[in-house]
Amino acid sequence: MEGVVAAWRRWFGPPVRDAILAVIVTAILLVGSYGEGSPSSPSDRIQFGGHAAPQPGAALILVAVAGLALIWRRRAPVAVLAVSIAAVAGYSLLGLVNGAALIAPILALYSVAGHVSIRRAFLAAFVTLAILMTVTAANNPFGHISGGGFDIIPFMVAAALFAGIAVANRNAYVASIRDRAEQDARRRIDEERLRIARELHDVVAHTMATINVQAGVAAHVLPTRPEAAAESLQAIKTASKEGLRELRAILNVLRQADDADPTQPAPGTARLEDLIAGARRAGLETTFTVTGDPVRLPAAVDLAAYRIIQESLTNTIRHAGPATAAVSLGYQNDEVRIDVTDTGRGQPVITGNGGHGLAGMRERAAAVGGTVEAGPGAAGGFRVAARLPLGGRLADQAPGPAADQPADSPPPLAADAPAADPAAPAQEGTP
């Protein structure tokens, strides 16, 4: 079917349609011009003052030239108008009735008005009007200036001029709509790329950070506490398995962009229990409380809430040292509130990963119309507080890092991050 459509567009495109239309118009003009020179009605013959109407004869060639020139009306509208006017002017100066022949330059003028600026269209219309009226009056076969097509030339020129301008305006409007649609499509593609890049960063950064932390723990306690080393290796296995699963899901989206939506659900608040359990298994004592009546969150808000809590716990694991954490999720009338506190050192390490970490949390919240506040807690440690509207209002464009946020905030991490064992040595780069 696509081949048939392509063949139809190739063989019956605008040039072919213009040629067919020009041939049909030329045939009509020839028949009309011949009929004007051979009137059969007594009322038509009376107009010539008792003498016979002038026979067009070989002059019909000029009418054919004026009509067939319309084949190129899209490619060279001004040249076609000039040829049509010249042919009809010669036909009229021979003293022949030019009523039907006038249609050719009028159609050419319509094409010019649809392809040039308004100023040039009015200039072309004025020249066309002046020439056609002059040559018609110069040798009018009816014996007076206002006979034949002389009276209707101004109306024909005006109709062609304004119809061409209207079509040009409509084409410009359609082109602007198409351009905006293409820009919106490109913007959506860019936003989707940014979203996928964030998801990949979360997964890869979390998995590698967890493996790094737990490998350090295992190396440290292996000589004296092999059972603790085994727990760290198990945590590495769990984190790598979960990271591979999320990476596989993201890559499936990239490979199957034109296929059905993936069946793997995106992380959300329904998986927070698993996230908290993973932190507890790794040694970070974490409490989790829910207040208010839980409601179904919009997909964007659900994912943003999960990622903000995930990144907060991951920063605690990496930078807070021996600590405990508390996660609170509160459902209000029109928003969901997130509060993550820890009893660690009070400030995450700044690690030179521009645009990530705390800035990434703010970007995720801003993308759904929410806010994030982060800083030292009132009783020590560090606190992250987020407010996300339940309406899930998406921003037109994903915002960049906040102006007041340092560009080297720590990177966000992905799900189920095991915590560092309290007995593990401080990580490199920790103050």
Protein backbone atom coordinates (compact mmCIF):
# COMPACT_ATOMS: atom_id res chain seq x y z
CA MET A 1 0.00 0.00 0.00
CA GLU A 2 2.84 2.42 0.80
CA GLY A 3 4.33 1.70 -2.62
CA VAL A 4 1.04 2.52 -4.31
CA VAL A 5 0.76 5.78 -2.37
CA ALA A 6 4.36 6.70 -3.24
CA ALA A 7 3.74 5.93 -6.92
CA TRP A 8 0.56 8.02 -6.89
CA ARG A 9 2.39 10.97 -5.36
CA ARG A 10 5.24 10.59 -7.84
CA TRP A 11 3.09 10.32 -10.98
CA PHE A 12 0.25 12.63 -9.90
CA GLY A 13 2.14 15.27 -7.99
CA PRO A 14 1.70 19.04 -8.43
CA PRO A 15 3.57 19.23 -11.80
CA VAL A 16 1.37 16.53 -13.35
CA ARG A 17 -1.80 18.06 -11.93
CA ASP A 18 -0.78 21.49 -13.22
CA ALA A 19 -0.18 20.06 -16.70
CA ILE A 20 -3.57 18.32 -16.76
CA LEU A 21 -5.32 21.46 -15.51
CA ALA A 22 -3.54 23.63 -18.09
CA VAL A 23 -4.56 21.32 -20.94
CA ILE A 24 -8.20 21.30 -19.80
CA VAL A 25 -8.25 25.10 -19.41
CA THR A 26 -6.63 25.55 -22.83
CA ALA A 27 -9.26 23.35 -24.48
CA ILE A 28 -12.06 25.35 -22.83
CA LEU A 29 -10.46 28.65 -23.89
CA LEU A 30 -10.10 27.48 -27.49
CA VAL A 31 -13.73 26.38 -27.69
CA GLY A 32 -14.90 29.60 -26.05
CA SER A 33 -12.79 31.84 -28.30
CA TYR A 34 -13.98 30.05 -31.41
CA GLY A 35 -17.60 30.38 -30.25
CA GLU A 36 -17.13 34.10 -29.63
CA GLY A 37 -15.99 34.49 -33.25
CA SER A 38 -18.94 32.43 -34.57
CA PRO A 39 -21.99 33.57 -32.58
CA SER A 40 -25.18 31.61 -33.26
CA SER A 41 -27.56 33.61 -31.12
CA PRO A 42 -29.21 36.66 -32.76
CA SER A 43 -28.66 38.72 -29.61
CA ASP A 44 -24.92 37.97 -29.79
CA ARG A 45 -24.74 38.97 -33.45
CA ILE A 46 -26.53 42.27 -32.81
CA GLN A 47 -23.65 43.41 -30.61
CA PHE A 48 -21.36 43.65 -33.66
CA GLY A 49 -23.47 46.45 -35.23
CA GLY A 50 -24.75 44.42 -38.16
CA HIS A 51 -21.40 43.16 -39.43
CA ALA A 52 -20.07 39.62 -38.97
CA ALA A 53 -18.06 38.74 -35.92
CA PRO A 54 -14.30 38.54 -36.61
CA GLN A 55 -13.16 34.93 -37.03
CA PRO A 56 -10.17 33.99 -34.82
CA GLY A 57 -8.65 31.49 -37.29
CA ALA A 58 -4.93 31.00 -36.76
CA ALA A 59 -5.01 33.53 -33.92
CA LEU A 60 -6.27 30.71 -31.73
CA ILE A 61 -2.61 29.71 -31.48
CA LEU A 62 -2.09 32.74 -29.22
CA VAL A 63 -4.92 31.53 -26.97
CA ALA A 64 -3.31 28.08 -26.82
CA VAL A 65 0.04 29.62 -25.85
CA ALA A 66 -1.59 31.67 -23.09
CA GLY A 67 -3.35 28.57 -21.74
CA LEU A 68 -0.50 26.04 -22.01
CA ALA A 69 1.89 28.43 -20.26
CA LEU A 70 -0.05 27.66 -17.09
CA ILE A 71 1.78 24.32 -16.90
CA TRP A 72 4.71 26.20 -15.30
CA ARG A 73 2.62 28.49 -13.09
CA ARG A 74 4.15 27.11 -9.84
CA ARG A 75 7.76 27.01 -10.99
CA ALA A 76 7.87 30.43 -12.75
CA PRO A 77 4.64 32.33 -11.95
CA VAL A 78 5.90 35.76 -13.01
CA ALA A 79 7.20 34.47 -16.36
CA VAL A 80 3.94 32.62 -16.99
CA LEU A 81 1.97 35.81 -16.28
CA ALA A 82 4.13 37.75 -18.72
CA VAL A 83 3.67 35.14 -21.47
CA SER A 84 -0.10 34.95 -20.92
CA ILE A 85 -0.53 38.72 -20.96
CA ALA A 86 1.58 39.03 -24.11
CA ALA A 87 -0.36 36.30 -25.95
CA VAL A 88 -3.79 37.67 -24.96
CA ALA A 89 -2.68 41.24 -25.75
CA GLY A 90 -1.69 40.16 -29.28
CA TYR A 91 -4.96 38.30 -29.68
CA SER A 92 -6.94 41.37 -28.54
CA LEU A 93 -5.03 43.83 -30.76
CA LEU A 94 -6.10 41.76 -33.78
CA GLY A 95 -9.64 42.94 -33.10
CA LEU A 96 -10.91 39.58 -31.85
CA VAL A 97 -13.34 38.99 -29.01
CA ASN A 98 -11.17 38.20 -25.98
CA GLY A 99 -13.78 37.25 -23.34
CA ALA A 100 -12.65 33.63 -22.93
CA ALA A 101 -8.97 34.33 -23.57
CA LEU A 102 -8.81 36.68 -20.56
CA ILE A 103 -9.11 33.69 -18.22
CA ALA A 104 -5.50 32.60 -18.91
CA PRO A 105 -3.73 35.75 -17.59
CA ILE A 106 -6.21 35.94 -14.70
CA LEU A 107 -5.25 32.41 -13.59
CA ALA A 108 -1.57 33.34 -14.00
CA LEU A 109 -2.12 36.43 -11.83
CA TYR A 110 -3.72 34.21 -9.15
CA SER A 111 -0.56 32.06 -9.09
CA VAL A 112 1.67 35.13 -8.82
CA ALA A 113 -0.35 36.54 -5.91
CA GLY A 114 -0.01 33.19 -4.11
CA HIS A 115 3.79 33.06 -4.45
CA VAL A 116 5.11 36.59 -4.04
CA SER A 117 4.83 39.33 -1.44
CA ILE A 118 1.68 41.40 -1.15
CA ARG A 119 3.42 44.47 -2.56
CA ARG A 120 4.59 42.60 -5.66
CA ALA A 121 1.17 40.99 -6.03
CA PHE A 122 -0.53 44.40 -6.14
CA LEU A 123 2.05 45.65 -8.64
CA ALA A 124 1.45 42.61 -10.87
CA ALA A 125 -2.31 43.14 -10.62
CA PHE A 126 -2.00 46.82 -11.59
CA VAL A 127 0.18 46.01 -14.63
CA THR A 128 -2.18 43.21 -15.70
CA LEU A 129 -5.23 45.47 -15.35
CA ALA A 130 -3.63 48.32 -17.29
CA ILE A 131 -2.42 46.17 -20.20
CA LEU A 132 -5.60 44.11 -20.63
CA MET A 133 -7.92 47.11 -20.49
CA THR A 134 -5.71 49.08 -22.89
CA VAL A 135 -5.47 46.40 -25.56
CA THR A 136 -9.17 45.57 -25.26
CA ALA A 137 -10.18 49.19 -25.78
CA ALA A 138 -7.65 49.75 -28.57
CA ASN A 139 -9.40 47.56 -31.16
CA ASN A 140 -12.67 46.45 -29.67
CA PRO A 141 -14.68 44.49 -32.26
CA PHE A 142 -17.95 45.77 -30.77
CA GLY A 143 -17.22 49.28 -32.00
CA HIS A 144 -17.04 50.96 -28.59
CA ILE A 145 -14.61 50.87 -25.68
CA SER A 146 -16.81 49.21 -23.05
CA GLY A 147 -17.90 46.19 -25.07
CA GLY A 148 -16.95 42.57 -24.62
CA GLY A 149 -14.69 41.70 -21.71
CA PHE A 150 -13.64 45.31 -21.02
CA ASP A 151 -16.22 45.79 -18.27
CA ILE A 152 -15.40 42.65 -16.32
CA ILE A 153 -11.57 42.92 -16.41
CA PRO A 154 -11.32 44.94 -13.13
CA PHE A 155 -13.49 42.43 -11.26
CA MET A 156 -11.56 39.46 -12.62
CA VAL A 157 -8.22 41.02 -11.67
CA ALA A 158 -9.44 41.90 -8.15
CA ALA A 159 -10.84 38.40 -7.61
CA ALA A 160 -7.58 36.75 -8.72
CA LEU A 161 -5.48 39.12 -6.61
CA PHE A 162 -7.32 38.66 -3.32
CA ALA A 163 -7.88 34.92 -3.84
CA GLY A 164 -4.14 34.44 -4.37
CA ILE A 165 -3.27 36.51 -1.29
CA ALA A 166 -5.77 34.52 0.80
CA VAL A 167 -4.26 31.21 -0.34
CA ALA A 168 -0.75 32.51 0.37
CA ASN A 169 -1.77 33.51 3.91
CA ARG A 170 -3.36 30.13 4.50
CA ASN A 171 -0.25 28.31 3.25
CA ALA A 172 1.92 30.45 5.52
CA TYR A 173 -0.34 29.64 8.48
CA VAL A 174 -0.23 25.90 7.72
CA ALA A 175 3.56 26.07 7.38
CA SER A 176 3.85 27.81 10.76
CA ILE A 177 1.65 25.16 12.38
CA ARG A 178 3.76 22.40 10.83
CA ASP A 179 6.95 24.12 11.99
CA ARG A 180 5.63 24.41 15.56
CA ALA A 181 4.62 20.75 15.48
CA GLU A 182 8.11 19.76 14.36
CA GLN A 183 9.65 21.93 17.09
CA ASP A 184 7.37 20.34 19.70
CA ALA A 185 8.34 16.88 18.44
CA ARG A 186 12.04 17.74 18.68
CA ARG A 187 11.50 19.18 22.18
CA ARG A 188 9.71 16.02 23.31
CA ILE A 189 12.54 13.91 21.91
CA ASP A 190 15.10 16.03 23.78
CA GLU A 191 13.10 15.73 27.00
CA GLU A 192 12.85 11.97 26.57
CA ARG A 193 16.59 11.75 26.01
CA LEU A 194 17.19 13.79 29.15
CA ARG A 195 14.84 11.55 31.13
CA ILE A 196 16.56 8.39 29.90
CA ALA A 197 19.97 9.93 30.66
CA ARG A 198 18.84 10.64 34.21
CA GLU A 199 17.54 7.11 34.66
CA LEU A 200 20.78 5.65 33.32
CA HIS A 201 22.79 7.88 35.63
CA ASP A 202 20.71 6.84 38.63
CA VAL A 203 21.10 3.14 37.90
CA VAL A 204 24.78 3.13 36.97
CA ALA A 205 25.89 5.53 39.71
CA HIS A 206 23.99 3.65 42.40
CA THR A 207 25.18 0.22 41.33
CA MET A 208 28.82 1.21 41.06
CA ALA A 209 28.77 3.19 44.31
CA THR A 210 27.18 0.29 46.18
CA ILE A 211 29.66 -2.21 44.79
CA ASN A 212 32.52 0.13 45.68
CA VAL A 213 31.32 0.65 49.26
CA GLN A 214 30.54 -3.00 49.95
CA ALA A 215 33.76 -4.21 48.31
CA GLY A 216 35.68 -1.91 50.66
CA VAL A 217 33.76 -3.31 53.62
CA ALA A 218 34.44 -6.91 52.55
CA ALA A 219 38.17 -6.24 52.08
CA HIS A 220 38.35 -4.59 55.49
CA VAL A 221 36.56 -7.24 57.55
CA LEU A 222 37.56 -10.38 55.61
CA PRO A 223 40.52 -11.34 57.87
CA THR A 224 38.60 -10.90 61.13
CA ARG A 225 34.90 -11.20 60.30
CA PRO A 226 34.37 -13.45 57.28
CA GLU A 227 30.62 -13.62 57.95
CA ALA A 228 30.39 -9.83 57.56
CA ALA A 229 32.42 -10.06 54.36
CA ALA A 230 29.95 -12.66 53.07
CA GLU A 231 27.07 -10.26 53.82
CA SER A 232 28.85 -7.52 51.87
CA LEU A 233 29.39 -9.83 48.92
CA GLN A 234 25.71 -10.74 49.02
CA ALA A 235 24.84 -7.05 49.02
CA ILE A 236 27.09 -6.59 45.97
CA LYS A 237 25.29 -9.44 44.21
CA THR A 238 21.87 -7.98 45.02
CA ALA A 239 22.82 -4.47 43.92
CA SER A 240 24.40 -5.64 40.67
CA LYS A 241 21.38 -7.82 39.88
CA GLU A 242 18.97 -4.96 40.49
CA GLY A 243 21.12 -2.55 38.47
CA LEU A 244 21.29 -4.95 35.54
CA ARG A 245 17.53 -5.38 35.64
CA GLU A 246 16.88 -1.63 35.48
CA LEU A 247 19.53 -1.14 32.80
CA ARG A 248 17.93 -3.89 30.74
CA ALA A 249 14.53 -2.21 31.05
CA ILE A 250 15.92 1.17 29.95
CA LEU A 251 17.83 -0.35 27.03
CA ASN A 252 14.69 -2.18 25.93
CA VAL A 253 12.96 1.20 25.66
CA LEU A 254 15.80 2.49 23.48
CA ARG A 255 15.86 -0.60 21.26
CA GLN A 256 12.09 -0.91 20.91
CA ALA A 257 11.03 2.72 20.56
CA ASP A 258 8.43 1.78 17.93
CA ASP A 259 7.13 -1.30 19.76
CA ALA A 260 4.56 -1.55 22.50
CA ASP A 261 5.26 0.07 25.85
CA PRO A 262 7.50 -2.02 28.13
CA THR A 263 5.72 -4.18 30.69
CA GLN A 264 8.28 -3.49 33.44
CA PRO A 265 6.80 -0.85 35.78
CA ALA A 266 8.84 2.24 36.59
CA PRO A 267 10.05 2.63 40.18
CA GLY A 268 7.55 4.38 42.44
CA THR A 269 6.35 4.76 46.00
CA ALA A 270 5.02 1.19 45.91
CA ARG A 271 8.65 0.03 46.00
CA LEU A 272 9.75 2.23 48.90
CA GLU A 273 9.49 -0.67 51.34
CA ASP A 274 12.01 -2.60 49.25
CA LEU A 275 14.27 0.45 49.10
CA ILE A 276 14.16 0.87 52.90
CA ALA A 277 14.71 -2.85 53.41
CA GLY A 278 17.79 -2.74 51.21
CA ALA A 279 19.21 0.10 53.29
CA ARG A 280 18.53 -1.82 56.50
CA ARG A 281 20.15 -4.98 55.20
CA ALA A 282 23.31 -3.01 54.50
CA GLY A 283 23.51 -1.66 58.04
CA LEU A 284 21.79 1.75 57.79
CA GLU A 285 19.07 1.76 60.42
CA THR A 286 16.18 3.42 58.62
CA THR A 287 12.62 4.09 59.76
CA PHE A 288 9.76 4.64 57.36
CA THR A 289 6.47 6.32 58.22
CA VAL A 290 3.46 7.22 56.11
CA THR A 291 0.93 9.87 57.17
CA GLY A 292 -2.39 10.79 55.61
CA ASP A 293 -4.50 8.69 53.28
CA PRO A 294 -2.35 7.21 50.49
CA VAL A 295 -3.65 8.01 47.01
CA ARG A 296 -2.56 6.96 43.54
CA LEU A 297 0.05 9.45 42.38
CA PRO A 298 0.56 10.61 38.79
CA ALA A 299 3.34 8.61 37.14
CA ALA A 300 5.77 11.55 37.00
CA VAL A 301 5.17 12.47 40.65
CA ASP A 302 5.44 8.83 41.73
CA LEU A 303 8.81 8.41 40.02
CA ALA A 304 10.10 11.77 41.31
CA ALA A 305 9.17 10.87 44.90
CA TYR A 306 10.95 7.51 44.65
CA ARG A 307 14.10 9.01 43.13
CA ILE A 308 14.31 11.85 45.69
CA ILE A 309 14.11 9.39 48.60
CA GLN A 310 16.53 7.04 46.84
CA GLU A 311 19.11 9.76 46.23
CA SER A 312 18.77 11.05 49.81
CA LEU A 313 19.46 7.60 51.28
CA THR A 314 22.30 7.01 48.83
CA ASN A 315 23.97 10.27 49.88
CA THR A 316 23.59 9.19 53.50
CA ILE A 317 25.19 5.83 52.69
CA ARG A 318 28.10 7.40 50.87
CA HIS A 319 28.86 10.48 52.94
CA ALA A 320 27.19 10.49 56.37
CA GLY A 321 29.39 7.85 57.98
CA PRO A 322 27.88 5.76 60.81
CA ALA A 323 24.35 7.11 61.05
CA THR A 324 20.64 6.34 61.14
CA ALA A 325 18.00 7.66 58.80
CA ALA A 326 14.28 8.42 58.95
CA VAL A 327 11.99 8.62 55.92
CA SER A 328 8.55 10.21 56.12
CA LEU A 329 5.96 10.25 53.33
CA GLY A 330 2.91 12.44 53.97
CA TYR A 331 -0.20 12.70 51.80
CA GLN A 332 -1.89 16.11 52.03
CA ASN A 333 -5.01 17.38 50.25
CA ASP A 334 -3.17 18.64 47.19
CA GLU A 335 0.43 17.52 47.59
CA VAL A 336 2.72 14.81 48.88
CA ARG A 337 5.48 15.73 51.34
CA ILE A 338 8.77 13.89 51.68
CA ASP A 339 11.14 14.25 54.61
CA VAL A 340 14.43 12.35 54.83
CA THR A 341 16.73 13.02 57.80
CA ASP A 342 19.88 11.36 59.06
CA THR A 343 22.18 11.64 62.06
CA GLY A 344 25.40 11.79 60.08
CA ARG A 345 27.98 14.49 59.55
CA GLY A 346 25.45 17.05 58.37
CA GLN A 347 26.66 17.85 54.85
CA PRO A 348 27.13 15.57 51.82
CA VAL A 349 30.48 15.60 50.13
CA ILE A 350 30.81 17.89 47.12
CA THR A 351 32.36 15.66 44.48
CA GLY A 352 32.54 17.61 41.23
CA ASN A 353 29.69 15.90 39.39
CA GLY A 354 28.05 19.00 38.00
CA GLY A 355 24.26 19.08 37.79
CA HIS A 356 23.64 15.90 39.79
CA GLY A 357 22.92 14.97 43.41
CA LEU A 358 21.10 17.76 45.21
CA ALA A 359 20.66 19.67 41.95
CA GLY A 360 19.20 16.52 40.40
CA MET A 361 16.61 16.31 43.20
CA ARG A 362 15.61 19.91 42.60
CA GLU A 363 15.32 19.29 38.87
CA ARG A 364 13.09 16.26 39.39
CA ALA A 365 10.84 18.18 41.77
CA ALA A 366 10.69 21.25 39.51
CA ALA A 367 9.77 19.02 36.54
CA VAL A 368 6.47 18.16 38.27
CA GLY A 369 5.89 21.61 39.78
CA GLY A 370 7.37 20.86 43.21
CA THR A 371 10.25 22.06 45.37
CA VAL A 372 13.12 20.53 47.35
CA GLU A 373 14.93 22.01 50.35
CA ALA A 374 18.16 20.44 51.57
CA GLY A 375 20.55 21.39 54.35
CA PRO A 376 21.76 20.60 57.85
CA GLY A 377 19.04 19.37 60.21
CA ALA A 378 17.93 21.29 63.26
CA ALA A 379 19.33 18.57 65.57
CA GLY A 380 22.37 17.80 63.44
CA GLY A 381 22.77 15.52 60.50
CA PHE A 382 21.28 16.36 57.13
CA ARG A 383 17.68 16.87 56.01
CA VAL A 384 15.97 16.74 52.61
CA ALA A 385 12.37 18.02 52.41
CA ALA A 386 10.33 17.90 49.22
CA ARG A 387 6.82 19.02 48.31
CA LEU A 388 5.27 17.59 45.14
CA PRO A 389 1.81 18.64 43.90
CA LEU A 390 -0.62 15.78 43.32
CA GLY A 391 -1.69 17.40 40.05
CA GLY A 392 1.66 16.43 38.54
CA ARG A 393 1.98 19.60 36.48
CA LEU A 394 4.83 19.04 34.06
CA ALA A 395 7.07 21.92 33.12
CA ASP A 396 7.27 22.86 29.43
CA GLN A 397 10.96 22.10 29.47
CA ALA A 398 13.07 20.23 31.96
CA PRO A 399 14.81 22.98 33.95
CA GLY A 400 18.53 23.11 34.30
CA PRO A 401 20.36 23.18 37.63
CA ALA A 402 19.14 25.82 40.04
CA ALA A 403 21.01 29.06 39.83
CA ASP A 404 21.93 28.94 43.51
CA GLN A 405 22.95 25.28 43.46
CA PRO A 406 26.64 24.45 43.15
CA ALA A 407 27.48 22.69 39.93
CA ASP A 408 29.48 19.99 41.69
CA SER A 409 26.80 18.41 43.87
CA PRO A 410 27.07 14.65 44.44
CA PRO A 411 25.49 12.37 41.83
CA PRO A 412 22.08 10.71 42.30
CA LEU A 413 21.95 6.96 42.72
CA ALA A 414 19.41 4.25 41.91
CA ALA A 415 17.26 1.84 43.87
CA ASP A 416 17.94 -0.40 46.84
CA ALA A 417 21.31 0.98 47.83
CA PRO A 418 22.91 -1.10 50.63
CA ALA A 419 24.46 1.03 53.31
CA ALA A 420 28.04 1.00 54.42
CA ASP A 421 28.84 -1.17 57.39
CA PRO A 422 29.55 0.96 60.46
CA ALA A 423 32.83 -0.90 60.83
CA ALA A 424 33.96 0.05 57.34
CA PRO A 425 36.67 2.70 56.88
CA ALA A 426 35.72 6.19 55.74
CA GLN A 427 35.43 6.48 51.96
CA GLU A 428 38.04 8.35 49.99
CA GLY A 429 37.14 12.01 49.62
CA THR A 430 34.97 12.12 52.77
CA PRO A 431 35.85 15.14 54.94
